[in-house]
Amino acid sequence: AGQDANFGLLAYDVMVELAIPRNVFAEALDGFADVRGELIVEMFERNGERYIRLGETAKYNCSD
Protein backbone atom coordinates (compact mmCIF):
# COMPACT_ATOMS: atom_id res chain seq x y z
CA ALA A 1 0.00 0.00 0.00
CA GLY A 2 2.98 2.31 0.41
CA GLN A 3 1.78 5.78 1.27
CA ASP A 4 -1.70 5.34 -0.14
CA ALA A 5 -4.12 7.23 2.11
CA ASN A 6 -6.72 4.49 1.55
CA PHE A 7 -4.59 2.18 3.69
CA GLY A 8 -3.95 4.64 6.51
CA LEU A 9 -5.84 6.29 9.33
CA LEU A 10 -5.88 10.04 9.79
CA ALA A 11 -3.65 10.58 12.82
CA TYR A 12 -5.90 13.37 14.11
CA ASP A 13 -8.99 11.14 13.95
CA VAL A 14 -7.22 8.41 15.93
CA MET A 15 -6.11 10.90 18.58
CA VAL A 16 -9.65 12.31 18.95
CA GLU A 17 -11.32 8.88 18.97
CA LEU A 18 -9.01 7.68 21.74
CA ALA A 19 -9.36 10.98 23.64
CA ILE A 20 -5.59 11.27 24.05
CA PRO A 21 -3.97 14.68 24.60
CA ARG A 22 -1.92 15.82 21.60
CA ASN A 23 1.44 15.72 23.42
CA VAL A 24 0.82 12.21 24.80
CA PHE A 25 -0.29 10.97 21.39
CA ALA A 26 2.82 12.39 19.70
CA GLU A 27 5.06 10.77 22.31
CA ALA A 28 3.31 7.42 21.88
CA LEU A 29 3.68 7.55 18.09
CA ASP A 30 7.38 8.31 18.43
CA GLY A 31 7.74 5.33 20.75
CA PHE A 32 6.03 2.92 18.37
CA ALA A 33 7.47 4.33 15.15
CA ASP A 34 10.72 2.41 15.48
CA VAL A 35 10.74 -0.25 18.17
CA ARG A 36 13.93 -2.28 17.83
CA GLY A 37 14.10 -1.16 14.19
CA GLU A 38 10.84 -2.90 13.29
CA LEU A 39 8.62 0.03 12.18
CA ILE A 40 5.48 -1.10 14.00
CA VAL A 41 3.69 2.16 13.15
CA GLU A 42 4.46 4.03 9.96
CA MET A 43 3.60 7.69 9.59
CA PHE A 44 3.25 9.54 6.30
CA GLU A 45 1.81 12.75 4.94
CA ARG A 46 -0.41 13.09 1.89
CA ASN A 47 -2.05 16.32 0.66
CA GLY A 48 -1.23 18.09 3.92
CA GLU A 49 -2.86 15.41 6.09
CA ARG A 50 -0.90 13.10 8.42
CA TYR A 51 -1.70 9.40 8.34
CA ILE A 52 -0.61 6.37 10.34
CA ARG A 53 -0.75 2.70 9.48
CA LEU A 54 0.57 -0.53 10.91
CA GLY A 55 3.93 -1.51 9.53
CA GLU A 56 4.74 -4.90 8.06
CA THR A 57 6.17 -6.25 11.33
CA ALA A 58 3.27 -5.08 13.51
CA LYS A 59 1.51 -8.43 13.20
CA TYR A 60 4.41 -10.10 15.00
CA ASN A 61 4.21 -7.62 17.91
CA CYS A 62 0.48 -8.01 18.63
CA SER A 63 -1.22 -10.82 20.45
CA ASP A 64 -4.84 -11.95 20.59
PDB file of N, CA and C in Angstrom:
ATOM      1  N   ALA A   1       0.818  -1.203   0.000  1.00  0.00           N
ATOM      2  CA  ALA A   1       0.000   0.000   0.000  1.00  0.00           C
ATOM      3  C   ALA A   1       0.854   1.256   0.000  1.00  0.00           C
ATOM      4  N   GLY A   2       2.106   1.131   0.405  1.00  0.00           N
ATOM      5  CA  GLY A   2       2.978   2.305   0.413  1.00  0.00           C
ATOM      6  C   GLY A   2       2.385   3.441   1.197  1.00  0.00           C
ATOM      7  N   GLN A   3       2.336   4.615   0.587  1.00  0.00           N
ATOM      8  CA  GLN A   3       1.776   5.778   1.267  1.00  0.00           C
ATOM      9  C   GLN A   3       0.405   6.136   0.716  1.00  0.00           C
ATOM     10  N   ASP A   4      -0.347   5.148   0.346  1.00  0.00           N
ATOM     11  CA  ASP A   4      -1.700   5.336  -0.144  1.00  0.00           C
ATOM     12  C   ASP A   4      -2.613   5.649   1.041  1.00  0.00           C
ATOM     13  N   ALA A   5      -3.250   6.805   1.000  1.00  0.00           N
ATOM     14  CA  ALA A   5      -4.123   7.234   2.106  1.00  0.00           C
ATOM     15  C   ALA A   5      -5.273   6.267   2.359  1.00  0.00           C
ATOM     16  N   ASN A   6      -5.644   5.460   1.358  1.00  0.00           N
ATOM     17  CA  ASN A   6      -6.721   4.493   1.547  1.00  0.00           C
ATOM     18  C   ASN A   6      -6.341   3.387   2.525  1.00  0.00           C
ATOM     19  N   PHE A   7      -5.057   3.229   2.785  1.00  0.00           N
ATOM     20  CA  PHE A   7      -4.592   2.182   3.688  1.00  0.00           C
ATOM     21  C   PHE A   7      -4.087   2.747   5.005  1.00  0.00           C
ATOM     22  N   GLY A   8      -4.383   4.005   5.271  1.00  0.00           N
ATOM     23  CA  GLY A   8      -3.952   4.640   6.510  1.00  0.00           C
ATOM     24  C   GLY A   8      -5.122   5.217   7.275  1.00  0.00           C
ATOM     25  N   LEU A   9      -4.853   5.612   8.488  1.00  0.00           N
ATOM     26  CA  LEU A   9      -5.840   6.290   9.327  1.00  0.00           C
ATOM     27  C   LEU A   9      -5.364   7.714   9.553  1.00  0.00           C
ATOM     28  N   LEU A  10      -6.263   8.663   9.481  1.00  0.00           N
ATOM     29  CA  LEU A  10      -5.879  10.035   9.795  1.00  0.00           C
ATOM     30  C   LEU A  10      -5.430  10.091  11.246  1.00  0.00           C
ATOM     31  N   ALA A  11      -4.214  10.541  11.471  1.00  0.00           N
ATOM     32  CA  ALA A  11      -3.654  10.578  12.817  1.00  0.00           C
ATOM     33  C   ALA A  11      -4.541  11.399  13.757  1.00  0.00           C
ATOM     34  N   TYR A  12      -5.052  12.521  13.285  1.00  0.00           N
ATOM     35  CA  TYR A  12      -5.902  13.375  14.111  1.00  0.00           C
ATOM     36  C   TYR A  12      -7.164  12.625  14.553  1.00  0.00           C
ATOM     37  N   ASP A  13      -7.775  11.889  13.625  1.00  0.00           N
ATOM     38  CA  ASP A  13      -8.993  11.137  13.954  1.00  0.00           C
ATOM     39  C   ASP A  13      -8.731  10.088  15.025  1.00  0.00           C
ATOM     40  N   VAL A  14      -7.580   9.416  14.938  1.00  0.00           N
ATOM     41  CA  VAL A  14      -7.223   8.407  15.934  1.00  0.00           C
ATOM     42  C   VAL A  14      -7.048   9.065  17.300  1.00  0.00           C
ATOM     43  N   MET A  15      -6.351  10.184  17.329  1.00  0.00           N
ATOM     44  CA  MET A  15      -6.114  10.904  18.578  1.00  0.00           C
ATOM     45  C   MET A  15      -7.442  11.320  19.223  1.00  0.00           C
ATOM     46  N   VAL A  16      -8.352  11.862  18.435  1.00  0.00           N
ATOM     47  CA  VAL A  16      -9.651  12.308  18.947  1.00  0.00           C
ATOM     48  C   VAL A  16     -10.488  11.120  19.416  1.00  0.00           C
ATOM     49  N   GLU A  17     -10.526  10.061  18.622  1.00  0.00           N
ATOM     50  CA  GLU A  17     -11.323   8.883  18.968  1.00  0.00           C
ATOM     51  C   GLU A  17     -10.862   8.247  20.280  1.00  0.00           C
ATOM     52  N   LEU A  18      -9.546   8.255  20.508  1.00  0.00           N
ATOM     53  CA  LEU A  18      -9.006   7.676  21.741  1.00  0.00           C
ATOM     54  C   LEU A  18      -8.976   8.666  22.897  1.00  0.00           C
ATOM     55  N   ALA A  19      -9.339   9.920  22.628  1.00  0.00           N
ATOM     56  CA  ALA A  19      -9.359  10.984  23.642  1.00  0.00           C
ATOM     57  C   ALA A  19      -7.998  11.101  24.344  1.00  0.00           C
ATOM     58  N   ILE A  20      -6.951  11.149  23.545  1.00  0.00           N
ATOM     59  CA  ILE A  20      -5.586  11.269  24.051  1.00  0.00           C
ATOM     60  C   ILE A  20      -5.099  12.692  23.800  1.00  0.00           C
ATOM     61  N   PRO A  21      -4.520  13.349  24.819  1.00  0.00           N
ATOM     62  CA  PRO A  21      -3.967  14.684  24.602  1.00  0.00           C
ATOM     63  C   PRO A  21      -2.898  14.664  23.507  1.00  0.00           C
ATOM     64  N   ARG A  22      -2.817  15.729  22.753  1.00  0.00           N
ATOM     65  CA  ARG A  22      -1.918  15.822  21.600  1.00  0.00           C
ATOM     66  C   ARG A  22      -0.473  15.458  21.955  1.00  0.00           C
ATOM     67  N   ASN A  23       0.046  15.983  23.070  1.00  0.00           N
ATOM     68  CA  ASN A  23       1.445  15.717  23.418  1.00  0.00           C
ATOM     69  C   ASN A  23       1.674  14.253  23.780  1.00  0.00           C
ATOM     70  N   VAL A  24       0.710  13.620  24.437  1.00  0.00           N
ATOM     71  CA  VAL A  24       0.823  12.207  24.799  1.00  0.00           C
ATOM     72  C   VAL A  24       0.748  11.346  23.540  1.00  0.00           C
ATOM     73  N   PHE A  25      -0.140  11.705  22.638  1.00  0.00           N
ATOM     74  CA  PHE A  25      -0.290  10.967  21.388  1.00  0.00           C
ATOM     75  C   PHE A  25       0.991  11.030  20.565  1.00  0.00           C
ATOM     76  N   ALA A  26       1.571  12.222  20.458  1.00  0.00           N
ATOM     77  CA  ALA A  26       2.822  12.393  19.699  1.00  0.00           C
ATOM     78  C   ALA A  26       3.942  11.565  20.309  1.00  0.00           C
ATOM     79  N   GLU A  27       4.028  11.554  21.626  1.00  0.00           N
ATOM     80  CA  GLU A  27       5.065  10.770  22.306  1.00  0.00           C
ATOM     81  C   GLU A  27       4.860   9.269  22.071  1.00  0.00           C
ATOM     82  N   ALA A  28       3.613   8.832  22.111  1.00  0.00           N
ATOM     83  CA  ALA A  28       3.309   7.420  21.876  1.00  0.00           C
ATOM     84  C   ALA A  28       3.670   7.016  20.448  1.00  0.00           C
ATOM     85  N   LEU A  29       3.337   7.859  19.475  1.00  0.00           N
ATOM     86  CA  LEU A  29       3.682   7.550  18.087  1.00  0.00           C
ATOM     87  C   LEU A  29       5.190   7.448  17.912  1.00  0.00           C
ATOM     88  N   ASP A  30       5.912   8.358  18.512  1.00  0.00           N
ATOM     89  CA  ASP A  30       7.377   8.311  18.430  1.00  0.00           C
ATOM     90  C   ASP A  30       7.895   7.007  19.021  1.00  0.00           C
ATOM     91  N   GLY A  31       7.301   6.556  20.096  1.00  0.00           N
ATOM     92  CA  GLY A  31       7.736   5.332  20.751  1.00  0.00           C
ATOM     93  C   GLY A  31       7.470   4.087  19.926  1.00  0.00           C
ATOM     94  N   PHE A  32       6.385   4.086  19.170  1.00  0.00           N
ATOM     95  CA  PHE A  32       6.032   2.922  18.367  1.00  0.00           C
ATOM     96  C   PHE A  32       6.548   3.001  16.936  1.00  0.00           C
ATOM     97  N   ALA A  33       7.040   4.160  16.534  1.00  0.00           N
ATOM     98  CA  ALA A  33       7.473   4.333  15.148  1.00  0.00           C
ATOM     99  C   ALA A  33       8.677   3.466  14.815  1.00  0.00           C
ATOM    100  N   ASP A  34       9.544   3.215  15.779  1.00  0.00           N
ATOM    101  CA  ASP A  34      10.723   2.410  15.483  1.00  0.00           C
ATOM    102  C   ASP A  34      11.158   1.641  16.727  1.00  0.00           C
ATOM    103  N   VAL A  35      10.423   0.588  17.026  1.00  0.00           N
ATOM    104  CA  VAL A  35      10.736  -0.253  18.172  1.00  0.00           C
ATOM    105  C   VAL A  35      11.693  -1.341  17.700  1.00  0.00           C
ATOM    106  N   ARG A  36      12.906  -1.314  18.218  1.00  0.00           N
ATOM    107  CA  ARG A  36      13.934  -2.281  17.828  1.00  0.00           C
ATOM    108  C   ARG A  36      14.100  -2.337  16.315  1.00  0.00           C
ATOM    109  N   GLY A  37      13.915  -1.211  15.635  1.00  0.00           N
ATOM    110  CA  GLY A  37      14.100  -1.157  14.191  1.00  0.00           C
ATOM    111  C   GLY A  37      13.044  -1.878  13.386  1.00  0.00           C
ATOM    112  N   GLU A  38      11.859  -2.101  13.963  1.00  0.00           N
ATOM    113  CA  GLU A  38      10.841  -2.902  13.287  1.00  0.00           C
ATOM    114  C   GLU A  38       9.697  -2.111  12.663  1.00  0.00           C
ATOM    115  N   LEU A  39       9.668  -0.799  12.786  1.00  0.00           N
ATOM    116  CA  LEU A  39       8.619   0.027  12.178  1.00  0.00           C
ATOM    117  C   LEU A  39       7.213  -0.532  12.403  1.00  0.00           C
ATOM    118  N   ILE A  40       6.807  -0.584  13.663  1.00  0.00           N
ATOM    119  CA  ILE A  40       5.480  -1.097  13.995  1.00  0.00           C
ATOM    120  C   ILE A  40       4.396  -0.148  13.474  1.00  0.00           C
ATOM    121  N   VAL A  41       4.615   1.141  13.653  1.00  0.00           N
ATOM    122  CA  VAL A  41       3.689   2.156  13.149  1.00  0.00           C
ATOM    123  C   VAL A  41       4.435   3.016  12.154  1.00  0.00           C
ATOM    124  N   GLU A  42       3.864   3.184  10.974  1.00  0.00           N
ATOM    125  CA  GLU A  42       4.460   4.032   9.957  1.00  0.00           C
ATOM    126  C   GLU A  42       3.628   5.296   9.833  1.00  0.00           C
ATOM    127  N   MET A  43       4.282   6.416   9.747  1.00  0.00           N
ATOM    128  CA  MET A  43       3.603   7.694   9.591  1.00  0.00           C
ATOM    129  C   MET A  43       3.967   8.278   8.234  1.00  0.00           C
ATOM    130  N   PHE A  44       2.974   8.875   7.565  1.00  0.00           N
ATOM    131  CA  PHE A  44       3.246   9.537   6.300  1.00  0.00           C
ATOM    132  C   PHE A  44       2.287  10.697   6.115  1.00  0.00           C
ATOM    133  N   GLU A  45       2.628  11.573   5.207  1.00  0.00           N
ATOM    134  CA  GLU A  45       1.806  12.752   4.938  1.00  0.00           C
ATOM    135  C   GLU A  45       1.386  12.737   3.479  1.00  0.00           C
ATOM    136  N   ARG A  46       0.125  13.047   3.254  1.00  0.00           N
ATOM    137  CA  ARG A  46      -0.407  13.093   1.891  1.00  0.00           C
ATOM    138  C   ARG A  46      -1.390  14.260   1.811  1.00  0.00           C
ATOM    139  N   ASN A  47      -1.177  15.151   0.869  1.00  0.00           N
ATOM    140  CA  ASN A  47      -2.046  16.320   0.661  1.00  0.00           C
ATOM    141  C   ASN A  47      -2.239  17.136   1.936  1.00  0.00           C
ATOM    142  N   GLY A  48      -1.177  17.284   2.710  1.00  0.00           N
ATOM    143  CA  GLY A  48      -1.230  18.092   3.923  1.00  0.00           C
ATOM    144  C   GLY A  48      -1.840  17.411   5.129  1.00  0.00           C
ATOM    145  N   GLU A  49      -2.274  16.167   4.989  1.00  0.00           N
ATOM    146  CA  GLU A  49      -2.861  15.407   6.094  1.00  0.00           C
ATOM    147  C   GLU A  49      -1.861  14.356   6.560  1.00  0.00           C
ATOM    148  N   ARG A  50      -1.789  14.116   7.873  1.00  0.00           N
ATOM    149  CA  ARG A  50      -0.896  13.101   8.421  1.00  0.00           C
ATOM    150  C   ARG A  50      -1.673  11.810   8.659  1.00  0.00           C
ATOM    151  N   TYR A  51      -1.086  10.717   8.224  1.00  0.00           N
ATOM    152  CA  TYR A  51      -1.698   9.402   8.344  1.00  0.00           C
ATOM    153  C   TYR A  51      -0.781   8.461   9.121  1.00  0.00           C
ATOM    154  N   ILE A  52      -1.381   7.436   9.706  1.00  0.00           N
ATOM    155  CA  ILE A  52      -0.615   6.370  10.338  1.00  0.00           C
ATOM    156  C   ILE A  52      -1.163   5.042   9.835  1.00  0.00           C
ATOM    157  N   ARG A  53      -0.305   4.053   9.823  1.00  0.00           N
ATOM    158  CA  ARG A  53      -0.750   2.698   9.482  1.00  0.00           C
ATOM    159  C   ARG A  53       0.185   1.715  10.150  1.00  0.00           C
ATOM    160  N   LEU A  54      -0.269   0.500  10.320  1.00  0.00           N
ATOM    161  CA  LEU A  54       0.572  -0.532  10.906  1.00  0.00           C
ATOM    162  C   LEU A  54       1.633  -0.932   9.901  1.00  0.00           C
ATOM    163  N   GLY A  55       2.832  -1.079  10.381  1.00  0.00           N
ATOM    164  CA  GLY A  55       3.928  -1.512   9.529  1.00  0.00           C
ATOM    165  C   GLY A  55       3.865  -3.010   9.292  1.00  0.00           C
ATOM    166  N   GLU A  56       4.728  -3.483   8.423  1.00  0.00           N
ATOM    167  CA  GLU A  56       4.740  -4.899   8.064  1.00  0.00           C
ATOM    168  C   GLU A  56       5.011  -5.815   9.253  1.00  0.00           C
ATOM    169  N   THR A  57       5.821  -5.376  10.209  1.00  0.00           N
ATOM    170  CA  THR A  57       6.169  -6.252  11.331  1.00  0.00           C
ATOM    171  C   THR A  57       5.211  -6.129  12.505  1.00  0.00           C
ATOM    172  N   ALA A  58       4.208  -5.280  12.399  1.00  0.00           N
ATOM    173  CA  ALA A  58       3.271  -5.081  13.514  1.00  0.00           C
ATOM    174  C   ALA A  58       2.566  -6.373  13.890  1.00  0.00           C
ATOM    175  N   LYS A  59       2.244  -7.195  12.919  1.00  0.00           N
ATOM    176  CA  LYS A  59       1.510  -8.426  13.203  1.00  0.00           C
ATOM    177  C   LYS A  59       2.285  -9.358  14.126  1.00  0.00           C
ATOM    178  N   TYR A  60       3.598  -9.243  14.143  1.00  0.00           N
ATOM    179  CA  TYR A  60       4.409 -10.099  15.003  1.00  0.00           C
ATOM    180  C   TYR A  60       4.518  -9.532  16.417  1.00  0.00           C
ATOM    181  N   ASN A  61       4.110  -8.274  16.605  1.00  0.00           N
ATOM    182  CA  ASN A  61       4.213  -7.620  17.905  1.00  0.00           C
ATOM    183  C   ASN A  61       2.875  -7.478  18.595  1.00  0.00           C
ATOM    184  N   CYS A  62       1.833  -8.070  18.050  1.00  0.00           N
ATOM    185  CA  CYS A  62       0.482  -8.010  18.626  1.00  0.00           C
ATOM    186  C   CYS A  62       0.065  -9.419  19.015  1.00  0.00           C
ATOM    187  N   SER A  63      -0.718  -9.506  20.054  1.00  0.00           N
ATOM    188  CA  SER A  63      -1.223 -10.815  20.453  1.00  0.00           C
ATOM    189  C   SER A  63      -2.733 -10.750  20.596  1.00  0.00           C
ATOM    190  N   ASP A  64      -3.373 -11.884  20.495  1.00  0.00           N
ATOM    191  CA  ASP A  64      -4.841 -11.949  20.586  1.00  0.00           C
ATOM    192  C   ASP A  64      -5.298 -11.792  22.010  1.00  0.00           C
TER     193      ASP A  64
END
